[in-house]
Amino acid sequence: MRGRTGARPHGGTGKRRQPAWVGVLSCAVPLCLGSAVPAVAQCPDGTPPPCAVRPYHAPAPPPNSVAVMYLDNDSRDTSDAYLADGLTEEITTKLGQIGRLAVTSNTTMRRYRGTAALEPTVLGRTLRVAQLVSGSVRRAGHRIRVNVELLRARDGVQLWADDYDQTDADLLSIEETIARSVATAIAGRLLPVEQATLAARPTRNPEAYDHLLRGNFYIAQRTPAAARRALAEYQAAAALDPTFALAYGRMGLCYSLFIDWGWPYPGVSEDSLIVLGAAVADRALQLDSQSTDGWMARAYIDVYLHPTTFEGALPAFERAIALDPRNAEAHHQYASILMSMGRDSAAAEEYRRALALDPLRAITLDNFGTLRYLEHRMDEAVPLLDSAIAADPLAYYAYVDRADLRLTRGEVAGARADVAASVRARPADYVVSSEPLVATLEFLDGDTVSARARLNRVIGQLPDPAHPDYTAGQWIGLAWLRMGDRERALSVLESVRPRGINLWFTMRDPGFDPIRDTPRFRALDAQTRPSGVDR
């Protein structure tokens, strides 16, 4: 079980809800899995995710469907990679705002980075789209050259192409022009409201926008160190343009990510992160009450400001979805909050909506699998977790969650393989979930001394060893229980602070079933159980 933010950039596995605006890690972690992400994600039976027992039959792509391939960075300076990625993602976002188009999400397309050499027919069939956008970006000094083309996927025929050679101050104009040309080529003449949508700009300051793109590039790497760099870029963007609502919204999401995943932020306490996150989320909404990022950031912060009730979180997510109903991230995060509150039926429906918008979204597949695991619906949980890993083989959080399930079912060999994969792929400075699992496996191998020493080291590295947060409490408590120490497992759960809905959520893990009927566990359940639980 991981963090709700998502990437859910939406779980260290810390927690359950990684924001997917955070994106999908390409191979930024030094020890990925020994190989790059495959061009075409596959389940064990060779079909695309979601993995299922029954054969997979892909539907014909709708004629208004399009995928924007990640533009190649032709610059000599590899530090300009953020520019190619940023241009790609912003073009995709703009196209996604045109209701008449079916646009493949950025999170899905990041898995296909570097696959432009494949035949358009192969890519079109794999992505289930009728059109493909591809091209390249080259920066020379303060000039940017962009080559872009629109291809018909079924036969590779070029439908439109253009070159742009402008200053880097014209980047927003380039994005708008490309998005308008692609949209017109697919949908025909644009309506006035669609033209206005494409012409909207988040800032008039080119330098501030450059910092925003850099921040987006770093946050997509999904590591604590990269997230700190992303936050610094968003802060720089807001300093250059104090009216830049999007920069403040992204800052709020960054702070939420650190809180939710339990990532270390040297010199800043969790309480301070909550205060900072609330301030920037409110600033984003003061500047733009229609800011989806601002409402999502506000929702995340409300979870931690009101841990026993989540007051304000559900309305904030509902507002974000109303503003942007095609935002898979918003549906995902809303589902994760509903899951935390025990409203499982509503959570499942929101996860389905997120996957309808982005079928290969690993963090959503993982969280949906976690929901089914909590419900003891193992036959549904397993293919969803398999799908998450097939969609993103670097999703260390999904390996952790599948290892947890396998240990609960007594499948030690499978759990051992998953833990090893998670350790290879995890961020170097994040160990709170996988290390207790390693300790559990050492204990099961008969090495009790090493297992207990490892678990005590994890506890000693916590910001407050006497009062772990709910994520650490879950994994450390499960480890003690699986090592046969029921007393210490219960003591860990009782020491978690704050006591609230998130603790109740982690206690739903079926791994705690051996102590579920004890008086102490039942008392803790009664203290933390939210209202409106399905069961």
Protein backbone atom coordinates (compact mmCIF):
# COMPACT_ATOMS: atom_id res chain seq x y z
CA MET A 1 0.00 0.00 0.00
CA ARG A 2 1.47 3.33 -0.91
CA GLY A 3 0.95 6.98 -0.81
CA ARG A 4 -2.05 8.37 -2.58
CA THR A 5 0.00 11.00 -4.27
CA GLY A 6 0.11 9.35 -7.95
CA ALA A 7 2.12 8.65 -9.32
CA ARG A 8 0.69 9.57 -8.25
CA PRO A 9 3.73 11.38 -8.23
CA HIS A 10 -0.01 8.94 -6.81
CA GLY A 11 3.01 5.93 -3.08
CA GLY A 12 7.46 5.07 -1.15
CA THR A 13 6.28 2.86 -1.24
CA GLY A 14 5.57 5.01 1.23
CA LYS A 15 2.01 5.76 0.79
CA ARG A 16 -0.84 5.17 -1.51
CA ARG A 17 -1.48 7.96 -3.90
CA GLN A 18 1.27 9.15 -6.15
CA PRO A 19 0.16 12.07 -8.30
CA ALA A 20 0.42 11.12 -11.83
CA TRP A 21 1.07 14.52 -12.94
CA VAL A 22 4.27 13.34 -11.44
CA GLY A 23 4.52 11.09 -14.49
CA VAL A 24 6.17 7.71 -14.98
CA LEU A 25 9.85 7.24 -14.24
CA SER A 26 11.75 6.44 -17.41
CA CYS A 27 15.11 5.12 -16.16
CA ALA A 28 16.19 7.98 -13.95
CA VAL A 29 16.87 5.69 -10.99
CA PRO A 30 20.52 4.52 -11.23
CA LEU A 31 19.59 0.87 -10.66
CA CYS A 32 16.42 0.54 -12.68
CA LEU A 33 16.02 -3.13 -13.40
CA GLY A 34 19.08 -3.69 -15.51
CA SER A 35 17.35 -2.71 -18.74
CA ALA A 36 15.31 0.09 -20.27
CA VAL A 37 11.53 0.10 -20.31
CA PRO A 38 10.32 -2.11 -23.16
CA ALA A 39 8.85 -0.32 -26.14
CA VAL A 40 5.61 -2.21 -25.74
CA ALA A 41 4.53 -3.03 -22.17
CA GLN A 42 3.32 -6.63 -21.85
CA CYS A 43 1.60 -8.88 -19.36
CA PRO A 44 2.93 -12.36 -18.66
CA ASP A 45 0.77 -13.74 -21.48
CA GLY A 46 2.15 -11.22 -24.00
CA THR A 47 -0.91 -8.97 -24.16
CA PRO A 48 -0.92 -5.25 -23.32
CA PRO A 49 -2.08 -4.25 -19.84
CA PRO A 50 -4.48 -4.46 -18.11
CA CYS A 51 -3.52 -8.08 -17.50
CA ALA A 52 -6.42 -10.52 -17.43
CA VAL A 53 -7.14 -14.18 -17.67
CA ARG A 54 -9.24 -13.83 -20.80
CA PRO A 55 -7.72 -13.03 -24.23
CA TYR A 56 -7.19 -9.41 -25.11
CA HIS A 57 -8.95 -7.95 -28.17
CA ALA A 58 -7.98 -4.39 -29.09
CA PRO A 59 -10.78 -2.23 -30.51
CA ALA A 60 -10.29 -0.21 -33.68
CA PRO A 61 -8.95 3.27 -32.85
CA PRO A 62 -11.44 6.12 -33.15
CA PRO A 63 -10.73 8.47 -36.08
CA ASN A 64 -10.25 11.45 -33.74
CA SER A 65 -7.56 9.72 -31.65
CA VAL A 66 -3.98 10.98 -31.53
CA ALA A 67 -0.79 10.34 -29.61
CA VAL A 68 2.08 12.81 -29.32
CA MET A 69 5.39 10.96 -29.34
CA TYR A 70 8.08 12.47 -27.15
CA LEU A 71 10.03 14.87 -29.32
CA ASP A 72 13.70 14.01 -29.81
CA ASN A 73 16.24 16.30 -28.18
CA ASP A 74 18.65 17.13 -31.01
CA SER A 75 20.61 19.64 -28.92
CA ARG A 76 24.23 18.87 -28.14
CA ASP A 77 23.58 19.76 -24.51
CA THR A 78 21.72 16.88 -22.82
CA SER A 79 20.54 19.32 -20.14
CA ASP A 80 18.07 20.56 -22.76
CA ALA A 81 16.12 17.31 -22.47
CA TYR A 82 13.62 19.11 -20.26
CA LEU A 83 12.76 21.36 -23.22
CA ALA A 84 11.84 18.51 -25.57
CA ASP A 85 9.86 16.78 -22.81
CA GLY A 86 8.14 19.98 -21.76
CA LEU A 87 7.13 20.93 -25.28
CA THR A 88 5.75 17.43 -25.86
CA GLU A 89 3.73 17.42 -22.66
CA GLU A 90 2.31 20.90 -23.12
CA ILE A 91 1.22 20.14 -26.70
CA THR A 92 -0.45 16.98 -25.42
CA THR A 93 -2.17 18.91 -22.64
CA LYS A 94 -3.48 21.55 -25.04
CA LEU A 95 -4.81 18.93 -27.44
CA GLY A 96 -6.46 17.15 -24.52
CA GLN A 97 -8.47 20.30 -23.81
CA ILE A 98 -10.24 19.93 -27.15
CA GLY A 99 -13.27 17.79 -26.38
CA ARG A 100 -13.55 16.47 -29.94
CA LEU A 101 -10.14 14.79 -29.72
CA ALA A 102 -9.16 11.56 -27.96
CA VAL A 103 -5.59 12.19 -26.83
CA THR A 104 -3.27 9.60 -25.31
CA SER A 105 -1.99 10.83 -21.96
CA ASN A 106 1.54 11.97 -21.19
CA THR A 107 1.94 9.20 -18.62
CA THR A 108 1.24 6.57 -21.27
CA MET A 109 3.46 8.22 -23.86
CA ARG A 110 6.44 8.45 -21.54
CA ARG A 111 6.71 4.67 -21.79
CA TYR A 112 7.29 4.97 -25.53
CA ARG A 113 10.08 7.53 -25.38
CA GLY A 114 12.72 6.74 -27.99
CA THR A 115 10.50 4.44 -30.06
CA ALA A 116 9.93 6.80 -32.99
CA ALA A 117 11.93 4.47 -35.23
CA LEU A 118 9.17 1.86 -34.98
CA GLU A 119 6.74 1.66 -37.86
CA PRO A 120 3.72 3.96 -37.44
CA THR A 121 1.46 0.97 -37.96
CA VAL A 122 3.04 -0.79 -34.97
CA LEU A 123 2.82 2.28 -32.75
CA GLY A 124 -0.72 3.06 -33.84
CA ARG A 125 -1.88 -0.48 -33.14
CA THR A 126 -0.10 -0.58 -29.77
CA LEU A 127 -1.38 2.83 -28.69
CA ARG A 128 -4.81 2.31 -30.30
CA VAL A 129 -4.72 5.68 -32.09
CA ALA A 130 -5.41 6.81 -35.65
CA GLN A 131 -2.79 9.61 -35.76
CA LEU A 132 0.72 10.14 -34.43
CA VAL A 133 2.64 13.37 -33.84
CA SER A 134 6.44 13.14 -33.87
CA GLY A 135 9.40 15.46 -34.32
CA SER A 136 12.50 16.95 -32.75
CA VAL A 137 13.75 20.00 -30.87
CA ARG A 138 17.14 21.69 -31.14
CA ARG A 139 18.33 24.64 -29.08
CA ALA A 140 21.23 26.81 -30.20
CA GLY A 141 21.86 29.72 -27.87
CA HIS A 142 18.55 31.52 -27.49
CA ARG A 143 17.00 30.04 -30.62
CA ILE A 144 14.82 26.95 -30.78
CA ARG A 145 14.21 24.89 -33.90
CA VAL A 146 11.25 22.51 -33.86
CA ASN A 147 10.40 20.01 -36.61
CA VAL A 148 7.04 18.31 -36.23
CA GLU A 149 4.73 16.15 -38.34
CA LEU A 150 1.35 14.46 -38.10
CA LEU A 151 1.17 10.92 -39.51
CA ARG A 152 -1.73 8.63 -40.24
CA ALA A 153 -0.94 5.60 -38.13
CA ARG A 154 -2.33 2.88 -40.36
CA ASP A 155 0.02 3.59 -43.25
CA GLY A 156 2.47 6.32 -42.15
CA VAL A 157 1.16 8.92 -44.61
CA GLN A 158 2.13 12.45 -43.60
CA LEU A 159 -0.99 14.56 -43.01
CA TRP A 160 0.76 17.77 -41.96
CA ALA A 161 4.27 19.00 -41.17
CA ASP A 162 6.03 22.24 -40.32
CA ASP A 163 9.30 23.70 -39.05
CA TYR A 164 9.70 26.49 -36.49
CA ASP A 165 12.84 28.53 -35.92
CA GLN A 166 12.20 31.13 -33.23
CA THR A 167 13.69 32.50 -30.01
CA ASP A 168 13.16 30.64 -26.75
CA ALA A 169 10.93 33.52 -25.69
CA ASP A 170 8.45 32.29 -28.33
CA LEU A 171 8.05 28.79 -26.87
CA LEU A 172 4.46 29.37 -25.76
CA SER A 173 3.60 30.61 -29.24
CA ILE A 174 5.19 27.52 -30.82
CA GLU A 175 3.17 25.22 -28.56
CA GLU A 176 -0.06 27.00 -29.42
CA THR A 177 0.61 26.95 -33.17
CA ILE A 178 1.48 23.25 -33.24
CA ALA A 179 -1.54 22.28 -31.14
CA ARG A 180 -3.86 24.36 -33.33
CA SER A 181 -2.47 22.87 -36.55
CA VAL A 182 -2.75 19.29 -35.29
CA ALA A 183 -6.26 19.82 -33.92
CA THR A 184 -7.42 21.40 -37.18
CA ALA A 185 -5.92 18.61 -39.27
CA ILE A 186 -7.84 16.00 -37.24
CA ALA A 187 -11.08 17.73 -36.26
CA GLY A 188 -11.47 20.36 -38.97
CA ARG A 189 -12.25 24.00 -38.35
CA LEU A 190 -12.00 24.87 -34.67
CA LEU A 191 -14.82 26.51 -32.78
CA PRO A 192 -14.16 29.94 -31.21
CA VAL A 193 -14.14 28.43 -27.72
CA GLU A 194 -11.60 25.82 -28.84
CA GLN A 195 -9.39 28.48 -30.36
CA ALA A 196 -9.57 30.46 -27.13
CA THR A 197 -8.65 27.37 -25.13
CA LEU A 198 -5.53 26.78 -27.22
CA ALA A 199 -4.55 30.45 -27.04
CA ALA A 200 -4.70 30.60 -23.22
CA ARG A 201 -1.27 31.06 -21.61
CA PRO A 202 -0.40 30.36 -17.97
CA THR A 203 2.17 33.19 -17.87
CA ARG A 204 3.51 36.00 -20.05
CA ASN A 205 7.02 35.59 -18.64
CA PRO A 206 9.11 33.25 -20.83
CA GLU A 207 11.77 32.76 -18.17
CA ALA A 208 9.18 31.81 -15.56
CA TYR A 209 7.68 29.32 -18.01
CA ASP A 210 11.12 27.82 -18.60
CA HIS A 211 11.46 27.19 -14.86
CA LEU A 212 8.02 25.54 -14.84
CA LEU A 213 9.09 23.12 -17.58
CA ARG A 214 12.28 22.31 -15.69
CA GLY A 215 10.24 21.62 -12.57
CA ASN A 216 7.93 19.29 -14.48
CA PHE A 217 10.96 17.45 -15.85
CA TYR A 218 12.41 16.85 -12.40
CA ILE A 219 9.17 15.87 -10.69
CA ALA A 220 8.59 13.20 -13.35
CA GLN A 221 11.70 11.40 -12.07
CA ARG A 222 9.80 10.46 -8.93
CA THR A 223 12.65 10.60 -6.43
CA PRO A 224 13.09 12.75 -3.31
CA ALA A 225 16.19 14.53 -4.67
CA ALA A 226 14.53 15.32 -8.00
CA ALA A 227 11.38 16.50 -6.23
CA ARG A 228 13.45 18.99 -4.22
CA ARG A 229 14.91 20.33 -7.46
CA ALA A 230 11.43 20.55 -8.95
CA LEU A 231 10.19 22.57 -5.99
CA ALA A 232 13.11 24.99 -6.39
CA GLU A 233 12.21 25.48 -10.08
CA TYR A 234 8.55 26.17 -9.29
CA GLN A 235 9.61 28.65 -6.61
CA ALA A 236 11.86 30.39 -9.14
CA ALA A 237 8.97 30.56 -11.61
CA ALA A 238 6.69 32.17 -9.04
CA ALA A 239 9.39 34.65 -8.03
CA LEU A 240 9.67 35.81 -11.65
CA ASP A 241 5.89 35.98 -12.09
CA PRO A 242 4.02 36.36 -8.77
CA THR A 243 0.72 35.90 -10.65
CA PHE A 244 1.73 32.47 -12.04
CA ALA A 245 -1.08 30.35 -10.55
CA LEU A 246 0.13 27.12 -12.15
CA ALA A 247 3.54 27.45 -10.51
CA TYR A 248 1.91 27.84 -7.07
CA GLY A 249 -0.36 24.87 -7.75
CA ARG A 250 2.61 22.71 -8.68
CA MET A 251 4.42 23.84 -5.54
CA GLY A 252 1.44 22.69 -3.51
CA LEU A 253 1.49 19.32 -5.22
CA CYS A 254 5.24 19.04 -4.50
CA TYR A 255 4.77 19.68 -0.79
CA SER A 256 1.92 17.15 -0.77
CA LEU A 257 4.14 14.59 -2.43
CA PHE A 258 6.79 14.86 0.29
CA ILE A 259 4.16 14.54 3.00
CA ASP A 260 2.23 11.73 1.39
CA TRP A 261 5.14 9.53 0.41
CA GLY A 262 7.10 10.24 3.57
CA TRP A 263 10.07 11.47 1.53
CA PRO A 264 12.84 13.22 3.47
CA TYR A 265 13.07 17.00 3.20
CA PRO A 266 16.16 18.02 5.19
CA GLY A 267 15.53 20.77 7.69
CA VAL A 268 11.77 20.92 7.19
CA SER A 269 9.32 19.07 9.46
CA GLU A 270 6.11 17.50 8.21
CA ASP A 271 4.07 20.13 10.06
CA SER A 272 6.01 22.86 8.25
CA LEU A 273 5.45 21.15 4.90
CA ILE A 274 1.71 21.11 5.57
CA VAL A 275 1.71 24.83 6.38
CA LEU A 276 3.78 25.67 3.31
CA GLY A 277 1.61 23.48 1.09
CA ALA A 278 -1.59 25.08 2.35
CA ALA A 279 -0.21 28.57 1.73
CA VAL A 280 0.79 27.96 -1.89
CA ALA A 281 -2.40 26.03 -2.69
CA ASP A 282 -4.46 28.91 -1.38
CA ARG A 283 -2.34 31.36 -3.35
CA ALA A 284 -2.94 29.37 -6.54
CA LEU A 285 -6.69 29.50 -5.98
CA GLN A 286 -6.63 33.20 -5.13
CA LEU A 287 -4.96 33.83 -8.48
CA ASP A 288 -7.13 31.39 -10.43
CA SER A 289 -10.21 29.81 -8.85
CA GLN A 290 -10.37 27.48 -11.89
CA SER A 291 -6.92 25.97 -11.19
CA THR A 292 -7.23 22.18 -11.20
CA ASP A 293 -3.74 21.82 -9.69
CA GLY A 294 -4.66 24.33 -7.00
CA TRP A 295 -7.79 22.39 -5.99
CA MET A 296 -5.92 19.07 -5.99
CA ALA A 297 -3.13 20.54 -3.87
CA ARG A 298 -5.72 21.96 -1.49
CA ALA A 299 -7.36 18.52 -1.24
CA TYR A 300 -4.07 16.77 -0.43
CA ILE A 301 -3.25 19.32 2.26
CA ASP A 302 -6.72 19.02 3.82
CA VAL A 303 -6.08 15.32 4.35
CA TYR A 304 -3.15 16.16 6.61
CA LEU A 305 -4.63 19.27 8.20
CA HIS A 306 -7.65 17.19 9.29
CA PRO A 307 -6.33 13.62 9.72
CA THR A 308 -9.34 12.36 11.65
CA THR A 309 -11.99 13.64 9.23
CA PHE A 310 -10.32 14.63 5.91
CA GLU A 311 -12.54 17.69 6.11
CA GLY A 312 -12.53 19.63 2.85
CA ALA A 313 -10.65 17.01 0.83
CA LEU A 314 -13.61 15.41 -0.97
CA PRO A 315 -15.22 18.71 -2.05
CA ALA A 316 -11.84 19.96 -3.29
CA PHE A 317 -11.30 16.88 -5.45
CA GLU A 318 -14.87 17.08 -6.72
CA ARG A 319 -14.21 20.68 -7.71
CA ALA A 320 -11.02 19.67 -9.54
CA ILE A 321 -12.91 16.98 -11.47
CA ALA A 322 -15.74 19.35 -12.33
CA LEU A 323 -13.18 21.78 -13.79
CA ASP A 324 -11.35 19.08 -15.74
CA PRO A 325 -13.41 15.88 -16.08
CA ARG A 326 -10.83 14.34 -18.43
CA ASN A 327 -8.05 14.63 -15.85
CA ALA A 328 -7.10 11.05 -14.99
CA GLU A 329 -4.96 12.27 -12.10
CA ALA A 330 -7.92 13.99 -10.44
CA HIS A 331 -10.08 10.86 -10.71
CA HIS A 332 -7.20 8.76 -9.39
CA GLN A 333 -6.60 10.96 -6.37
CA TYR A 334 -10.30 11.22 -5.59
CA ALA A 335 -10.51 7.43 -5.72
CA SER A 336 -7.57 7.11 -3.33
CA ILE A 337 -9.18 9.40 -0.77
CA LEU A 338 -12.43 7.44 -1.05
CA MET A 339 -10.48 4.20 -0.59
CA SER A 340 -8.77 5.60 2.50
CA MET A 341 -12.19 6.43 3.94
CA GLY A 342 -13.51 2.93 3.29
CA ARG A 343 -15.92 3.99 0.54
CA ASP A 344 -14.79 1.14 -1.65
CA SER A 345 -17.57 1.07 -4.24
CA ALA A 346 -17.18 4.75 -5.04
CA ALA A 347 -13.40 4.38 -5.09
CA ALA A 348 -13.57 1.52 -7.59
CA GLU A 349 -15.77 3.59 -9.88
CA GLU A 350 -13.31 6.48 -9.83
CA TYR A 351 -10.37 4.17 -10.52
CA ARG A 352 -12.27 2.82 -13.52
CA ARG A 353 -12.83 6.35 -14.77
CA ALA A 354 -9.14 7.14 -14.42
CA LEU A 355 -8.22 3.99 -16.34
CA ALA A 356 -10.79 4.74 -19.05
CA LEU A 357 -8.86 7.98 -19.62
CA ASP A 358 -5.41 6.43 -19.25
CA PRO A 359 -5.53 2.60 -19.49
CA LEU A 360 -1.80 2.05 -18.90
CA ARG A 361 -1.49 4.26 -15.83
CA ALA A 362 0.66 2.13 -13.54
CA ILE A 363 -0.05 3.94 -10.28
CA THR A 364 -3.81 3.65 -10.82
CA LEU A 365 -3.60 -0.03 -11.72
CA ASP A 366 -1.54 -0.54 -8.57
CA ASN A 367 -3.92 1.41 -6.32
CA PHE A 368 -6.94 -0.37 -7.77
CA GLY A 369 -5.17 -3.67 -7.11
CA THR A 370 -4.50 -2.50 -3.55
CA LEU A 371 -8.20 -1.77 -3.09
CA ARG A 372 -9.11 -5.27 -4.20
CA TYR A 373 -6.43 -6.68 -1.88
CA LEU A 374 -7.91 -4.78 1.08
CA GLU A 375 -11.29 -6.23 0.16
CA HIS A 376 -9.74 -9.73 0.12
CA ARG A 377 -10.67 -10.02 -3.57
CA MET A 378 -7.35 -11.61 -4.45
CA ASP A 379 -8.38 -12.94 -7.85
CA GLU A 380 -8.95 -9.34 -8.96
CA ALA A 381 -6.02 -7.83 -7.05
CA VAL A 382 -3.35 -10.01 -8.65
CA PRO A 383 -4.02 -9.17 -12.34
CA LEU A 384 -4.26 -5.47 -11.49
CA LEU A 385 -0.89 -5.51 -9.72
CA ASP A 386 0.55 -7.57 -12.59
CA SER A 387 -0.80 -4.93 -14.96
CA ALA A 388 0.87 -2.11 -13.03
CA ILE A 389 4.26 -3.79 -13.33
CA ALA A 390 3.69 -4.66 -16.99
CA ALA A 391 2.81 -1.03 -17.71
CA ASP A 392 5.85 0.31 -15.83
CA PRO A 393 8.57 -2.23 -15.00
CA LEU A 394 10.27 0.45 -12.88
CA ALA A 395 7.26 0.92 -10.57
CA TYR A 396 9.05 -0.05 -7.36
CA TYR A 397 5.90 0.65 -5.33
CA ALA A 398 3.96 -1.97 -7.29
CA TYR A 399 6.60 -4.61 -6.55
CA VAL A 400 6.29 -3.75 -2.86
CA ASP A 401 2.50 -4.06 -2.94
CA ARG A 402 2.62 -7.36 -4.80
CA ALA A 403 5.25 -8.67 -2.38
CA ASP A 404 2.94 -7.75 0.51
CA LEU A 405 0.09 -9.67 -1.08
CA ARG A 406 2.31 -12.66 -1.80
CA LEU A 407 3.60 -12.80 1.77
CA THR A 408 0.02 -12.71 3.04
CA ARG A 409 -0.76 -15.66 0.77
CA GLY A 410 2.42 -17.52 1.80
CA GLU A 411 4.05 -17.18 -1.64
CA VAL A 412 7.55 -16.52 -0.32
CA ALA A 413 9.49 -17.15 -3.54
CA GLY A 414 7.38 -14.68 -5.51
CA ALA A 415 7.62 -12.13 -2.70
CA ARG A 416 11.40 -12.51 -2.68
CA ALA A 417 11.60 -11.71 -6.41
CA ASP A 418 9.35 -8.67 -6.00
CA VAL A 419 11.31 -7.29 -3.05
CA ALA A 420 14.56 -7.67 -4.97
CA ALA A 421 13.07 -5.79 -7.94
CA SER A 422 11.80 -3.05 -5.66
CA VAL A 423 15.19 -2.61 -4.00
CA ARG A 424 16.89 -2.26 -7.38
CA ALA A 425 14.37 0.32 -8.63
CA ARG A 426 13.65 2.39 -5.53
CA PRO A 427 15.14 5.85 -4.90
CA ALA A 428 18.40 5.55 -3.00
CA ASP A 429 17.17 7.66 -0.08
CA TYR A 430 13.83 5.93 0.37
CA VAL A 431 13.77 2.61 2.24
CA VAL A 432 10.80 2.71 4.61
CA SER A 433 8.70 0.11 2.79
CA SER A 434 11.15 -2.29 1.18
CA GLU A 435 13.61 -2.68 4.07
CA PRO A 436 10.99 -4.11 6.46
CA LEU A 437 10.12 -6.58 3.71
CA VAL A 438 13.80 -7.52 3.35
CA ALA A 439 13.91 -8.06 7.12
CA THR A 440 10.83 -10.28 6.90
CA LEU A 441 12.48 -12.45 4.25
CA GLU A 442 15.68 -12.70 6.31
CA PHE A 443 13.58 -13.93 9.22
CA LEU A 444 11.81 -16.49 7.03
CA ASP A 445 15.26 -17.68 5.90
CA GLY A 446 16.16 -18.31 9.54
CA ASP A 447 18.46 -15.32 10.03
CA THR A 448 16.62 -13.84 13.02
CA VAL A 449 19.52 -11.70 14.20
CA SER A 450 19.99 -9.91 10.86
CA ALA A 451 16.24 -9.48 10.42
CA ARG A 452 15.76 -7.80 13.80
CA ALA A 453 18.87 -5.66 13.37
CA ARG A 454 17.70 -4.43 9.96
CA LEU A 455 14.24 -3.57 11.25
CA ASN A 456 15.67 -1.71 14.25
CA ARG A 457 17.91 0.29 11.88
CA VAL A 458 14.85 1.35 9.90
CA ILE A 459 13.12 2.43 13.10
CA GLY A 460 16.21 4.36 14.20
CA GLN A 461 16.30 6.29 10.93
CA LEU A 462 12.74 7.61 11.30
CA PRO A 463 12.30 11.32 12.09
CA ASP A 464 10.53 10.30 15.33
CA PRO A 465 11.26 6.63 16.13
CA ALA A 466 8.83 6.69 19.06
CA HIS A 467 5.95 7.90 16.89
CA PRO A 468 6.17 6.70 13.26
CA ASP A 469 3.80 8.00 10.62
CA TYR A 470 1.16 5.66 9.28
CA THR A 471 3.27 4.44 6.37
CA ALA A 472 6.21 3.42 8.53
CA GLY A 473 3.78 2.02 11.08
CA GLN A 474 2.21 -0.21 8.47
CA TRP A 475 5.41 -1.74 7.11
CA ILE A 476 7.22 -2.04 10.44
CA GLY A 477 4.11 -3.43 12.13
CA LEU A 478 3.63 -6.03 9.39
CA ALA A 479 7.29 -7.02 9.63
CA TRP A 480 7.12 -7.60 13.40
CA LEU A 481 3.90 -9.58 12.98
CA ARG A 482 5.34 -11.77 10.22
CA MET A 483 8.38 -12.33 12.44
CA GLY A 484 6.05 -13.67 15.14
CA ASP A 485 6.14 -10.68 17.50
CA ARG A 486 2.47 -9.75 17.91
CA GLU A 487 3.17 -7.54 20.91
CA ARG A 488 5.60 -5.30 19.03
CA ALA A 489 3.32 -5.19 16.00
CA LEU A 490 0.47 -3.89 18.12
CA SER A 491 2.74 -1.45 19.96
CA VAL A 492 3.94 0.03 16.67
CA LEU A 493 0.38 0.59 15.46
CA GLU A 494 -0.58 2.17 18.78
CA SER A 495 2.40 4.54 18.58
CA VAL A 496 1.53 5.93 15.13
CA ARG A 497 0.90 9.68 15.05
CA PRO A 498 -1.37 11.24 14.12
CA ARG A 499 -4.09 8.71 14.85
CA GLY A 500 -6.64 9.14 12.14
CA ILE A 501 -8.14 7.81 8.95
CA ASN A 502 -4.80 7.00 7.34
CA LEU A 503 -3.89 4.69 10.23
CA TRP A 504 -7.24 2.93 9.93
CA PHE A 505 -6.62 2.56 6.20
CA THR A 506 -3.24 0.86 6.68
CA MET A 507 -4.72 -1.43 9.33
CA ARG A 508 -7.03 -2.84 6.66
CA ASP A 509 -4.04 -4.67 5.16
CA PRO A 510 -4.95 -8.40 5.22
CA GLY A 511 -1.47 -9.02 6.58
CA PHE A 512 -2.83 -7.83 9.93
CA ASP A 513 -5.60 -10.46 9.96
CA PRO A 514 -3.85 -12.62 12.62
CA ILE A 515 -4.32 -9.82 15.20
CA ARG A 516 -7.50 -8.25 13.84
CA ASP A 517 -9.73 -9.72 16.53
CA THR A 518 -7.48 -8.86 19.48
CA PRO A 519 -8.91 -6.30 21.95
CA ARG A 520 -6.08 -3.81 21.32
CA PHE A 521 -6.43 -3.92 17.55
CA ARG A 522 -10.23 -3.62 17.77
CA ALA A 523 -9.92 -0.65 20.10
CA LEU A 524 -7.56 1.11 17.68
CA ASP A 525 -9.91 0.33 14.79
CA ALA A 526 -12.83 1.86 16.69
CA GLN A 527 -10.81 5.01 17.47
CA THR A 528 -9.77 5.65 13.86
CA ARG A 529 -12.62 4.26 11.73
CA PRO A 530 -14.17 7.00 9.53
CA SER A 531 -17.89 7.45 9.09
CA GLY A 532 -19.59 6.14 5.95
CA VAL A 533 -17.49 2.98 5.60
CA ASP A 534 -18.95 0.50 3.10
CA ARG A 535 -18.47 -2.47 5.37
